Amino acid sequence: QMELEALRSIYEGDLCFRELSPVSFQYRIGESGDPKAFLIEVSWPETYPQTAPVISMDAFFNNTISSAIKQSILDKLMVEVEANLGTAMTYTLFEYAKDNKELFMENQPVNTVTSVSNSTAIGTPHAPASKKKDKKEQLSKTQKRKLADKTDNKGELPRGWNWVDVIK
């Protein structure tokens, strides 16, 4: 209970932290637009903190990270868990992950995003269509004359040209 209250007060207003339930938490390491950002989910079993918390990286947010790097991060976090067994360690794990983010993700290639590459492959047939020049609307002489009559010498419509008379 004390650790739960401490986490709530520490991460109050932090957009990276999310409490899924009173015993399950998520923390995003890195900015939301960062290709090397990842999400850690920590769940407390009944016997926590005497036993290790369940640490997961199975969130959809982590689909761009290779499974080898996920396992590497989990292994490094488990070493930290072993060092802190018997104490409240959720905050420690999140801070450890934040401090070592670059070390964890150093072997993660930035452009290996399968979902984005699929969408670009789907999007390529549409790319030439967008390169077509938009045809300019052709106006007749009378349309041009009427437009010129409505506008001032700068080509702008006079103030109040589209006002509606409320009293009518």
Protein backbone atom coordinates (compact mmCIF):
# COMPACT_ATOMS: atom_id res chain seq x y z
CA GLN A 1 0.00 0.00 0.00
CA MET A 2 2.82 2.40 0.89
CA GLU A 3 4.62 1.78 -2.40
CA LEU A 4 1.37 2.25 -4.31
CA GLU A 5 0.80 5.63 -2.64
CA ALA A 6 4.43 6.61 -3.24
CA LEU A 7 4.20 5.74 -6.96
CA ARG A 8 0.98 7.71 -7.32
CA SER A 9 2.50 10.78 -5.69
CA ILE A 10 5.85 10.56 -7.53
CA TYR A 11 4.36 10.08 -10.98
CA GLU A 12 1.33 12.35 -10.54
CA GLY A 13 0.97 14.30 -13.78
CA ASP A 14 3.70 12.27 -15.55
CA LEU A 15 2.32 11.29 -18.97
CA CYS A 16 4.76 8.38 -19.26
CA PHE A 17 3.35 6.60 -16.18
CA ARG A 18 0.07 4.71 -16.23
CA GLU A 19 -1.57 2.68 -13.48
CA LEU A 20 -3.44 -0.22 -15.09
CA SER A 21 -4.64 -1.61 -11.75
CA PRO A 22 -3.54 -1.26 -8.10
CA VAL A 23 -0.90 -3.98 -8.75
CA SER A 24 -0.01 -3.32 -12.41
CA PHE A 25 1.82 -0.32 -13.88
CA GLN A 26 3.21 0.82 -17.23
CA TYR A 27 5.99 3.30 -17.85
CA ARG A 28 7.11 4.64 -21.24
CA ILE A 29 10.84 5.15 -21.45
CA GLY A 30 11.58 7.92 -23.98
CA GLU A 31 9.43 10.45 -25.80
CA SER A 32 6.37 9.26 -27.70
CA GLY A 33 7.89 10.17 -31.09
CA ASP A 34 11.27 8.61 -30.30
CA PRO A 35 11.90 5.45 -32.40
CA LYS A 36 13.94 4.02 -29.52
CA ALA A 37 11.22 4.52 -26.89
CA PHE A 38 9.80 1.44 -25.18
CA LEU A 39 7.14 0.51 -22.64
CA ILE A 40 7.74 -1.51 -19.48
CA GLU A 41 4.86 -3.16 -17.64
CA VAL A 42 5.39 -4.20 -14.01
CA SER A 43 2.85 -6.35 -12.16
CA TRP A 44 3.07 -7.30 -8.51
CA PRO A 45 2.31 -10.89 -7.49
CA GLU A 46 0.65 -11.63 -4.11
CA THR A 47 4.01 -12.12 -2.35
CA TYR A 48 5.68 -8.98 -3.70
CA PRO A 49 8.26 -7.56 -2.66
CA GLN A 50 9.66 -10.86 -1.28
CA THR A 51 9.28 -12.32 -4.78
CA ALA A 52 10.17 -10.64 -8.05
CA PRO A 53 7.54 -8.58 -9.86
CA VAL A 54 6.39 -9.71 -13.29
CA ILE A 55 8.07 -7.49 -15.89
CA SER A 56 6.63 -7.53 -19.38
CA MET A 57 7.39 -5.82 -22.67
CA ASP A 58 4.51 -7.40 -24.62
CA ALA A 59 2.66 -4.12 -25.12
CA PHE A 60 1.70 -3.15 -28.68
CA PHE A 61 3.89 -0.04 -28.27
CA ASN A 62 6.96 -2.35 -28.31
CA ASN A 63 6.15 -4.11 -31.61
CA THR A 64 8.92 -2.19 -33.39
CA ILE A 65 11.60 -3.53 -31.02
CA SER A 66 13.29 -6.81 -31.94
CA SER A 67 12.66 -9.74 -29.61
CA ALA A 68 16.40 -10.09 -28.88
CA ILE A 69 16.57 -6.51 -27.57
CA LYS A 70 13.37 -7.01 -25.54
CA GLN A 71 14.93 -10.08 -23.93
CA SER A 72 18.17 -8.20 -23.31
CA ILE A 73 16.27 -5.38 -21.54
CA LEU A 74 14.28 -7.90 -19.48
CA ASP A 75 17.49 -9.73 -18.49
CA LYS A 76 19.12 -6.48 -17.34
CA LEU A 77 16.00 -5.51 -15.40
CA MET A 78 15.92 -8.95 -13.73
CA VAL A 79 19.50 -8.40 -12.51
CA GLU A 80 18.27 -5.16 -10.93
CA VAL A 81 15.30 -7.05 -9.42
CA GLU A 82 17.62 -9.62 -7.83
CA ALA A 83 19.66 -6.80 -6.27
CA ASN A 84 16.53 -5.17 -4.77
CA LEU A 85 14.60 -8.30 -3.72
CA GLY A 86 12.73 -7.73 -0.46
CA THR A 87 12.32 -3.98 -0.97
CA ALA A 88 9.85 -1.84 -2.91
CA MET A 89 11.49 -1.69 -6.33
CA THR A 90 9.02 -0.50 -8.97
CA TYR A 91 10.28 3.10 -8.88
CA THR A 92 13.87 1.82 -8.90
CA LEU A 93 13.19 -0.32 -11.99
CA PHE A 94 11.58 2.56 -13.89
CA GLU A 95 14.44 4.93 -13.02
CA TYR A 96 17.05 2.28 -13.89
CA ALA A 97 15.41 1.82 -17.30
CA LYS A 98 15.27 5.60 -17.88
CA ASP A 99 18.95 6.02 -16.94
CA ASN A 100 20.10 3.15 -19.18
CA LYS A 101 17.76 3.69 -22.15
CA GLU A 102 20.58 4.40 -24.60
CA LEU A 103 22.53 1.35 -23.42
CA PHE A 104 19.45 -0.87 -23.77
CA MET A 105 18.59 0.36 -27.27
CA GLU A 106 22.07 0.78 -28.75
CA ASN A 107 21.68 -2.26 -31.05
CA GLN A 108 18.12 -1.38 -32.08
CA PRO A 109 18.10 -0.21 -35.70
CA VAL A 110 16.06 2.97 -36.06
CA ASN A 111 14.40 2.20 -39.40
CA THR A 112 13.37 -1.42 -38.82
CA VAL A 113 9.68 -0.76 -38.36
CA THR A 114 7.65 -3.49 -40.03
CA SER A 115 4.27 -1.79 -39.73
CA VAL A 116 5.54 1.46 -41.24
CA SER A 117 7.32 -0.31 -44.11
CA ASN A 118 4.10 -2.18 -44.92
CA SER A 119 2.11 1.02 -44.98
CA THR A 120 4.66 2.72 -47.24
CA ALA A 121 4.49 -0.22 -49.64
CA ILE A 122 0.72 0.15 -49.69
CA GLY A 123 0.99 3.92 -50.04
CA THR A 124 3.39 4.00 -53.02
CA PRO A 125 0.72 3.51 -55.74
CA HIS A 126 -0.96 6.66 -54.46
CA ALA A 127 2.23 8.73 -54.57
CA PRO A 128 2.22 9.35 -58.37
CA ALA A 129 -1.45 10.38 -58.20
CA SER A 130 -0.59 13.15 -55.75
CA LYS A 131 2.14 14.45 -58.08
CA LYS A 132 -0.41 15.31 -60.77
CA LYS A 133 -0.81 19.03 -61.23
CA ASP A 134 -4.10 20.31 -59.93
CA LYS A 135 -6.01 21.92 -62.78
CA LYS A 136 -6.72 25.56 -62.26
CA GLU A 137 -10.39 26.45 -62.41
CA GLN A 138 -11.16 28.12 -65.75
CA LEU A 139 -13.42 31.17 -65.50
CA SER A 140 -15.34 32.72 -68.35
CA LYS A 141 -14.94 36.42 -69.18
CA THR A 142 -18.23 37.31 -67.48
CA GLN A 143 -17.27 35.35 -64.36
CA LYS A 144 -13.93 37.16 -64.26
CA ARG A 145 -15.68 40.53 -64.74
CA LYS A 146 -18.15 39.85 -61.91
CA LEU A 147 -15.30 38.77 -59.63
CA ALA A 148 -13.36 41.94 -60.51
CA ASP A 149 -16.42 44.09 -59.74
CA LYS A 150 -16.78 42.52 -56.31
CA THR A 151 -13.13 42.92 -55.32
CA ASP A 152 -11.07 46.01 -54.66
CA ASN A 153 -7.83 46.88 -56.47
CA LYS A 154 -5.87 44.36 -54.34
CA GLY A 155 -8.13 41.45 -55.28
CA GLU A 156 -9.76 41.26 -51.87
CA LEU A 157 -13.48 41.24 -51.23
CA PRO A 158 -14.84 44.33 -49.43
CA ARG A 159 -15.55 44.13 -45.74
CA GLY A 160 -19.02 42.71 -45.07
CA TRP A 161 -19.60 41.22 -48.54
CA ASN A 162 -21.07 38.04 -47.00
CA TRP A 163 -22.92 39.57 -44.05
CA VAL A 164 -26.55 38.68 -43.51
CA ASP A 165 -29.15 41.25 -42.56
CA VAL A 166 -30.54 39.95 -39.25
CA ILE A 167 -33.57 42.26 -39.11
CA LYS A 168 -35.06 41.01 -42.37
